[in-house]
Amino acid sequence: MSKKIAFFPTNHDNATLIRYAYMGGYEPIALLAPEINVLEGYDISKLDGGPNADIRLHIDYEEKILESDLVYFADCEEFQNNKLYIELMEYAKKQRKEVIMPNDVAKQLGVDLQKVCIEERDILADIDKFPKMLQIESPIISIFTIGEKCGQIQTELLARKYFLGKGYNVMQIGSHDFMKLVGCLNIPDIMFDSTIDPFKKAIIFNRFIHKHFKLKNPDIILIGVPHPVMKYNNNNLNGLGILPLIIQSALQSDIGIINMHFADYTVEFLEEVKQFCKYRLDIDTRYFGISNTSVLKNVDNPSKLEYLRLTSDFVNSNLVSGLGGEQFTIFPAYNEEEANNAFQKMEKELQGNLIQV
């Protein structure tokens, strides 16, 4: 029997997580932020432009929390109402509901999660004695994003669904901490610790992947790489692609997928991205997932980007999927059939390395 998970606040960026909560055995309840309560009663597709999911949006917070088994308080850039966060968290605890939140929300609210990263700290202590990378023998698909709001999580979860559906033993590291609820591993917290040297972070991640590879003996490893792979421009640095560089320095991926905004791309642009990933990240990227958002420059504030939200129908109708012919594979991230066609190509590429089931 599935558990009910209330998710607050639901917005465009995290709607995908709610769509695929069923993969972890959860029945999702989507709670809107008060600022967009005009969407109450609509399907979650109103937020992300994807296909209808038969998941309604709600604002009757206490009633829905009472119906749930656990409550997930999400990080939401647009919503900073700490008072409401705390009120709902305290109500959930009073009703004996399990409460889950990412580290960023806990810090925002001043909540001590009392997490002890013993595994990562043990690896850190051992690095000076054994500074080398360990071999990971399963094929690896790394899933990247070129910017914010590019549908990366959508691609990660569709890839998980495809390869599990084919019967493979899948080991997956998700780019969002919520994904542990659907069976993925989390990126170690220490990878986001600015006090740790990047050299040591790369070895930590290599040991982390190797340890779980030995435990799970997977047929395939899927890695959702957090943070964009490059800066957008000199005003929008996107972390300069440093974390993807560290992660890819820790392992050798077989295939890379780049998630991008919707735009009129050319073969020359795709080739430039491919070459960048080859020489920066040491990975062959010929697969491109296109999101339901288009990026716009803010005329008044060049350091800020704005996003035009599109629908799946629009992207499906206007995306030139055959761009690049056999050289590149471009697919709408919110079109499961097209995404599965791309995953099938990847599966054939890896056929010699994947264990047939």
Protein backbone atom coordinates (compact mmCIF):
# COMPACT_ATOMS: atom_id res chain seq x y z
CA MET A 1 0.00 0.00 0.00
CA SER A 2 1.41 3.40 -1.01
CA LYS A 3 2.13 6.15 1.49
CA LYS A 4 0.79 9.65 0.99
CA ILE A 5 3.44 12.37 0.81
CA ALA A 6 2.46 16.05 1.05
CA PHE A 7 4.86 18.31 -0.83
CA PHE A 8 5.17 22.02 0.05
CA PRO A 9 5.57 24.35 -1.74
CA THR A 10 4.97 22.95 -5.20
CA ASN A 11 6.28 25.04 -8.10
CA HIS A 12 7.57 24.77 -11.66
CA ASP A 13 11.02 23.56 -10.61
CA ASN A 14 9.94 20.66 -8.40
CA ALA A 15 6.77 19.52 -10.16
CA THR A 16 8.73 16.70 -11.80
CA LEU A 17 9.58 15.24 -8.39
CA ILE A 18 5.90 15.00 -7.58
CA ARG A 19 5.10 13.45 -10.96
CA TYR A 20 7.41 10.54 -10.23
CA ALA A 21 6.79 10.09 -6.51
CA TYR A 22 4.93 6.88 -7.40
CA MET A 23 8.30 5.31 -8.29
CA GLY A 24 9.05 5.27 -4.57
CA GLY A 25 5.63 3.92 -3.64
CA TYR A 26 4.20 7.33 -2.72
CA GLU A 27 0.90 8.96 -3.55
CA PRO A 28 1.73 12.69 -3.83
CA ILE A 29 -0.29 15.60 -2.49
CA ALA A 30 0.82 18.87 -4.11
CA LEU A 31 0.49 21.97 -1.90
CA LEU A 32 0.77 25.38 -3.57
CA ALA A 33 2.48 28.45 -2.17
CA PRO A 34 -0.11 31.12 -1.25
CA GLU A 35 1.26 33.43 -3.97
CA ILE A 36 -0.05 31.15 -6.73
CA ASN A 37 -3.24 29.91 -5.08
CA VAL A 38 -5.18 30.85 -8.24
CA LEU A 39 -4.02 27.49 -9.59
CA GLU A 40 -5.86 25.54 -6.89
CA GLY A 41 -7.69 22.57 -8.36
CA TYR A 42 -5.68 22.51 -11.58
CA ASP A 43 -3.49 19.61 -12.63
CA ILE A 44 0.22 19.86 -11.87
CA SER A 45 0.83 20.16 -15.62
CA LYS A 46 -0.18 23.82 -15.24
CA LEU A 47 3.17 24.34 -13.53
CA ASP A 48 5.65 22.45 -15.70
CA GLY A 49 3.84 22.36 -19.04
CA GLY A 50 4.13 18.57 -19.18
CA PRO A 51 1.38 16.06 -19.96
CA ASN A 52 -1.58 15.72 -17.62
CA ALA A 53 -0.54 13.81 -14.49
CA ASP A 54 -3.90 13.59 -12.70
CA ILE A 55 -2.31 15.27 -9.65
CA ARG A 56 -4.32 18.23 -8.35
CA LEU A 57 -2.91 21.37 -6.71
CA HIS A 58 -4.19 22.24 -3.22
CA ILE A 59 -4.06 25.11 -0.70
CA ASP A 60 -5.97 23.51 2.19
CA TYR A 61 -2.68 22.81 3.95
CA GLU A 62 -3.75 21.40 7.30
CA GLU A 63 -6.41 19.15 5.82
CA LYS A 64 -3.99 17.66 3.29
CA ILE A 65 -1.17 17.28 5.81
CA LEU A 66 -3.61 15.42 8.04
CA GLU A 67 -4.30 13.01 5.15
CA SER A 68 -0.60 12.40 4.54
CA ASP A 69 1.91 10.00 6.08
CA LEU A 70 4.91 12.30 5.63
CA VAL A 71 5.54 15.90 4.59
CA TYR A 72 8.37 17.12 2.41
CA PHE A 73 9.28 20.81 2.78
CA ALA A 74 11.01 21.82 -0.43
CA ASP A 75 13.58 24.46 -1.20
CA CYS A 76 11.81 27.15 -3.24
CA GLU A 77 13.71 30.21 -4.42
CA GLU A 78 10.55 32.25 -4.95
CA PHE A 79 9.05 31.40 -1.57
CA GLN A 80 10.81 32.67 1.55
CA ASN A 81 7.91 32.78 4.04
CA ASN A 82 9.68 31.20 7.00
CA LYS A 83 6.68 31.79 9.24
CA LEU A 84 4.41 29.59 7.13
CA TYR A 85 7.13 26.96 6.75
CA ILE A 86 7.50 26.75 10.53
CA GLU A 87 3.75 26.78 11.19
CA LEU A 88 3.16 23.88 8.80
CA MET A 89 6.19 21.98 10.07
CA GLU A 90 5.03 22.29 13.67
CA TYR A 91 1.51 21.27 12.69
CA ALA A 92 2.84 18.20 10.86
CA LYS A 93 4.92 17.17 13.86
CA LYS A 94 1.95 17.70 16.17
CA GLN A 95 -0.04 15.33 13.98
CA ARG A 96 2.83 12.81 14.24
CA LYS A 97 3.72 13.06 10.56
CA GLU A 98 7.24 12.34 9.40
CA VAL A 99 8.91 15.57 8.28
CA ILE A 100 11.64 15.67 5.61
CA MET A 101 13.51 18.68 4.28
CA PRO A 102 16.75 19.39 2.39
CA ASN A 103 19.71 20.99 4.16
CA ASP A 104 19.08 24.39 2.55
CA VAL A 105 15.59 24.59 4.02
CA ALA A 106 16.82 23.41 7.42
CA LYS A 107 19.44 26.18 7.45
CA GLN A 108 16.85 28.72 6.31
CA LEU A 109 14.57 27.74 9.19
CA GLY A 110 17.32 27.24 11.75
CA VAL A 111 16.53 23.55 12.11
CA ASP A 112 19.26 21.14 13.19
CA LEU A 113 18.96 17.97 11.14
CA GLN A 114 21.74 16.34 13.17
CA LYS A 115 23.22 14.65 10.12
CA VAL A 116 26.57 12.96 10.57
CA CYS A 117 28.46 12.26 7.35
CA ILE A 118 30.62 9.50 8.80
CA GLU A 119 31.12 7.75 5.46
CA GLU A 120 32.46 10.85 3.71
CA ARG A 121 34.63 11.91 6.65
CA ASP A 122 36.20 8.45 6.86
CA ILE A 123 37.09 8.67 3.17
CA LEU A 124 38.52 12.15 3.70
CA ALA A 125 40.77 10.87 6.47
CA ASP A 126 42.08 8.08 4.21
CA ILE A 127 42.84 10.18 1.13
CA ASP A 128 46.36 11.24 2.11
CA LYS A 129 47.34 7.60 2.63
CA PHE A 130 45.75 6.31 -0.58
CA PRO A 131 45.46 9.15 -3.18
CA LYS A 132 44.28 7.28 -6.28
CA MET A 133 41.08 6.63 -8.22
CA LEU A 134 39.40 3.23 -8.03
CA GLN A 135 38.05 1.44 -11.10
CA ILE A 136 34.27 1.38 -11.60
CA GLU A 137 33.40 -1.34 -14.08
CA SER A 138 29.72 -0.76 -14.82
CA PRO A 139 28.77 1.50 -17.75
CA ILE A 140 27.93 5.05 -16.67
CA ILE A 141 25.50 7.56 -18.15
CA SER A 142 25.97 11.08 -16.79
CA ILE A 143 23.04 13.48 -17.05
CA PHE A 144 24.02 17.17 -17.14
CA THR A 145 22.33 20.53 -17.45
CA ILE A 146 23.54 23.56 -19.36
CA GLY A 147 21.64 25.97 -17.11
CA GLU A 148 18.83 26.37 -14.59
CA LYS A 149 15.32 25.03 -15.29
CA CYS A 150 16.44 22.74 -18.10
CA GLY A 151 14.41 19.64 -17.18
CA GLN A 152 17.38 17.68 -15.84
CA ILE A 153 15.40 15.87 -13.13
CA GLN A 154 12.74 14.93 -15.70
CA THR A 155 15.42 13.25 -17.82
CA GLU A 156 16.96 11.52 -14.79
CA LEU A 157 13.68 9.98 -13.72
CA LEU A 158 12.62 8.98 -17.22
CA ALA A 159 16.01 7.28 -17.66
CA ARG A 160 15.48 5.45 -14.37
CA LYS A 161 12.02 4.34 -15.45
CA TYR A 162 13.31 3.11 -18.83
CA PHE A 163 16.26 1.05 -17.62
CA LEU A 164 14.37 -0.41 -14.66
CA GLY A 165 11.56 -1.29 -17.05
CA LYS A 166 14.05 -3.20 -19.16
CA GLY A 167 14.98 -5.29 -16.15
CA TYR A 168 18.43 -3.84 -15.48
CA ASN A 169 19.90 -3.54 -12.01
CA VAL A 170 20.21 0.26 -11.86
CA MET A 171 22.35 2.25 -9.46
CA GLN A 172 21.44 5.93 -9.63
CA ILE A 173 22.75 9.07 -7.98
CA GLY A 174 20.16 11.84 -8.18
CA SER A 175 20.88 15.55 -8.60
CA HIS A 176 18.13 16.39 -6.07
CA ASP A 177 17.96 15.04 -2.52
CA PHE A 178 14.24 14.20 -2.90
CA MET A 179 15.23 11.44 -5.32
CA LYS A 180 16.39 9.23 -2.47
CA LEU A 181 12.68 8.64 -1.85
CA VAL A 182 12.38 6.90 -5.22
CA GLY A 183 15.42 4.67 -4.72
CA CYS A 184 18.34 6.90 -5.75
CA LEU A 185 21.47 7.73 -3.80
CA ASN A 186 22.19 11.32 -2.80
CA ILE A 187 25.26 13.27 -3.82
CA PRO A 188 27.38 13.29 -0.61
CA ASP A 189 26.89 16.53 1.34
CA ILE A 190 30.63 17.01 1.53
CA MET A 191 30.68 17.69 -2.23
CA PHE A 192 28.95 20.99 -1.50
CA ASP A 193 31.31 21.95 1.33
CA SER A 194 33.35 24.97 0.18
CA THR A 195 36.05 24.26 2.77
CA ILE A 196 37.04 20.96 1.16
CA ASP A 197 39.73 20.99 -1.53
CA PRO A 198 38.39 20.07 -5.05
CA PHE A 199 41.13 17.42 -5.42
CA LYS A 200 39.88 15.68 -2.30
CA LYS A 201 36.26 16.03 -3.39
CA ALA A 202 37.01 14.17 -6.62
CA ILE A 203 38.57 11.27 -4.70
CA ILE A 204 35.71 11.27 -2.18
CA PHE A 205 33.17 10.97 -4.98
CA ASN A 206 35.17 8.23 -6.69
CA ARG A 207 35.30 6.22 -3.45
CA PHE A 208 31.60 6.87 -2.82
CA ILE A 209 30.63 5.53 -6.24
CA HIS A 210 33.05 2.61 -5.97
CA LYS A 211 31.72 1.57 -2.56
CA HIS A 212 28.11 1.46 -3.75
CA PHE A 213 29.14 -0.18 -7.03
CA LYS A 214 30.68 -3.02 -5.01
CA LEU A 215 27.58 -3.30 -2.82
CA LYS A 216 25.01 -3.22 -5.60
CA ASN A 217 26.94 -4.72 -8.56
CA PRO A 218 24.74 -2.76 -11.00
CA ASP A 219 24.29 -3.36 -14.71
CA ILE A 220 24.29 0.40 -15.29
CA ILE A 221 24.98 3.57 -13.28
CA LEU A 222 23.02 6.77 -13.85
CA ILE A 223 24.46 9.98 -12.41
CA GLY A 224 22.53 13.25 -12.21
CA VAL A 225 25.30 15.84 -12.08
CA PRO A 226 24.19 18.93 -10.12
CA HIS A 227 24.93 22.50 -11.27
CA PRO A 228 25.29 23.67 -14.89
CA VAL A 229 28.36 22.58 -16.83
CA MET A 230 29.36 26.13 -17.83
CA LYS A 231 28.69 29.79 -17.16
CA TYR A 232 25.86 31.41 -19.12
CA ASN A 233 27.80 34.65 -19.47
CA ASN A 234 30.02 36.88 -17.34
CA ASN A 235 26.99 38.10 -15.38
CA ASN A 236 25.50 34.61 -14.83
CA LEU A 237 28.34 32.35 -13.76
CA ASN A 238 26.40 29.17 -12.86
CA GLY A 239 29.16 28.16 -10.46
CA LEU A 240 31.59 28.16 -13.43
CA GLY A 241 30.86 24.46 -13.98
CA ILE A 242 33.23 23.54 -11.16
CA LEU A 243 31.17 20.81 -9.47
CA PRO A 244 30.50 18.93 -12.77
CA LEU A 245 34.25 19.12 -13.45
CA ILE A 246 35.03 17.63 -10.03
CA ILE A 247 32.47 14.85 -10.42
CA GLN A 248 33.61 13.91 -13.92
CA SER A 249 37.21 13.91 -12.74
CA ALA A 250 36.20 11.15 -10.31
CA LEU A 251 34.99 8.67 -12.92
CA GLN A 252 34.89 7.79 -16.61
CA SER A 253 31.39 8.10 -18.06
CA ASP A 254 30.45 6.27 -21.24
CA ILE A 255 27.63 8.55 -22.38
CA GLY A 256 26.60 12.08 -21.53
CA ILE A 257 23.19 13.72 -21.84
CA ILE A 258 22.95 17.51 -21.83
CA ASN A 259 19.65 19.13 -20.83
CA MET A 260 19.04 22.50 -22.45
CA HIS A 261 16.42 25.24 -22.77
CA PHE A 262 14.17 25.35 -25.80
CA ALA A 263 15.72 27.46 -28.58
CA ASP A 264 16.51 27.42 -32.28
CA TYR A 265 19.73 25.45 -32.14
CA THR A 266 22.13 24.79 -34.99
CA VAL A 267 24.37 21.81 -35.68
CA GLU A 268 27.34 24.12 -35.12
CA PHE A 269 26.14 24.99 -31.61
CA LEU A 270 25.61 21.34 -30.69
CA GLU A 271 29.07 20.55 -31.99
CA GLU A 272 30.54 23.31 -29.80
CA VAL A 273 28.79 21.88 -26.74
CA LYS A 274 30.04 18.42 -27.62
CA GLN A 275 33.62 19.66 -27.97
CA PHE A 276 33.38 21.59 -24.69
CA CYS A 277 32.24 18.45 -22.85
CA LYS A 278 34.93 16.37 -24.52
CA TYR A 279 37.82 18.57 -23.46
CA ARG A 280 36.41 19.94 -20.20
CA LEU A 281 34.63 16.86 -18.83
CA ASP A 282 36.23 14.02 -20.84
CA ILE A 283 32.86 12.70 -22.00
CA ASP A 284 31.11 12.15 -25.31
CA THR A 285 27.82 14.07 -25.31
CA ARG A 286 25.65 13.50 -28.36
CA TYR A 287 22.27 13.40 -26.61
CA PHE A 288 20.33 16.58 -25.84
CA GLY A 289 17.12 16.79 -23.79
CA ILE A 290 15.10 19.94 -24.44
CA SER A 291 13.02 21.41 -21.62
CA ASN A 292 9.71 23.25 -21.48
CA THR A 293 11.44 26.56 -20.76
CA SER A 294 13.13 29.20 -22.86
CA VAL A 295 15.68 31.56 -21.32
CA LEU A 296 15.44 35.34 -21.70
CA LYS A 297 17.79 38.14 -20.73
CA ASN A 298 16.48 40.72 -18.31
CA VAL A 299 16.91 44.07 -20.08
CA ASP A 300 16.97 46.06 -16.83
CA ASN A 301 19.22 43.68 -14.92
CA PRO A 302 21.85 41.82 -17.04
CA SER A 303 22.85 39.65 -14.08
CA LYS A 304 19.36 38.17 -13.94
CA LEU A 305 17.74 35.70 -16.32
CA GLU A 306 14.05 35.25 -16.90
CA TYR A 307 12.33 32.12 -18.16
CA LEU A 308 9.43 31.67 -20.54
CA ARG A 309 7.43 28.60 -19.61
CA LEU A 310 6.21 26.51 -22.51
CA THR A 311 3.97 23.49 -22.92
CA SER A 312 4.95 20.03 -24.09
CA ASP A 313 2.68 20.44 -27.11
CA PHE A 314 4.54 23.58 -28.16
CA VAL A 315 7.98 21.99 -27.72
CA ASN A 316 6.92 18.78 -29.49
CA SER A 317 5.58 20.77 -32.43
CA ASN A 318 8.46 23.21 -32.79
CA LEU A 319 11.56 21.21 -31.89
CA VAL A 320 13.64 20.18 -34.87
CA SER A 321 14.28 16.68 -33.56
CA GLY A 322 16.19 15.57 -36.67
CA LEU A 323 18.79 18.31 -36.30
CA GLY A 324 22.25 16.84 -36.77
CA GLY A 325 21.02 13.63 -38.38
CA GLU A 326 22.85 10.59 -37.05
CA GLN A 327 25.47 12.71 -35.29
CA PHE A 328 23.17 14.01 -32.53
CA THR A 329 19.97 12.86 -30.82
CA ILE A 330 17.64 15.63 -29.66
CA PHE A 331 14.47 14.83 -27.72
CA PRO A 332 11.81 16.76 -25.77
CA ALA A 333 12.45 16.00 -22.10
CA TYR A 334 8.72 15.91 -21.33
CA ASN A 335 7.88 13.53 -24.19
CA GLU A 336 8.34 10.05 -22.74
CA GLU A 337 8.11 8.26 -26.09
CA GLU A 338 10.84 10.41 -27.65
CA ALA A 339 12.99 10.18 -24.52
CA ASN A 340 12.67 6.38 -24.56
CA ASN A 341 13.83 6.33 -28.19
CA ALA A 342 16.97 8.17 -27.06
CA PHE A 343 17.50 5.78 -24.15
CA GLN A 344 17.10 2.84 -26.51
CA LYS A 345 19.93 4.23 -28.66
CA MET A 346 22.09 4.54 -25.56
CA GLU A 347 21.24 1.00 -24.57
CA LYS A 348 22.38 -0.26 -27.98
CA GLU A 349 25.60 1.73 -27.66
CA LEU A 350 26.31 0.05 -24.33
CA GLN A 351 25.10 -3.36 -25.44
CA GLY A 352 28.52 -4.95 -25.05
CA ASN A 353 28.88 -3.66 -21.47
CA LEU A 354 25.36 -4.17 -20.18
CA ILE A 355 24.41 -7.51 -18.68
CA GLN A 356 21.51 -8.84 -20.70
CA VAL A 357 18.42 -9.78 -18.73
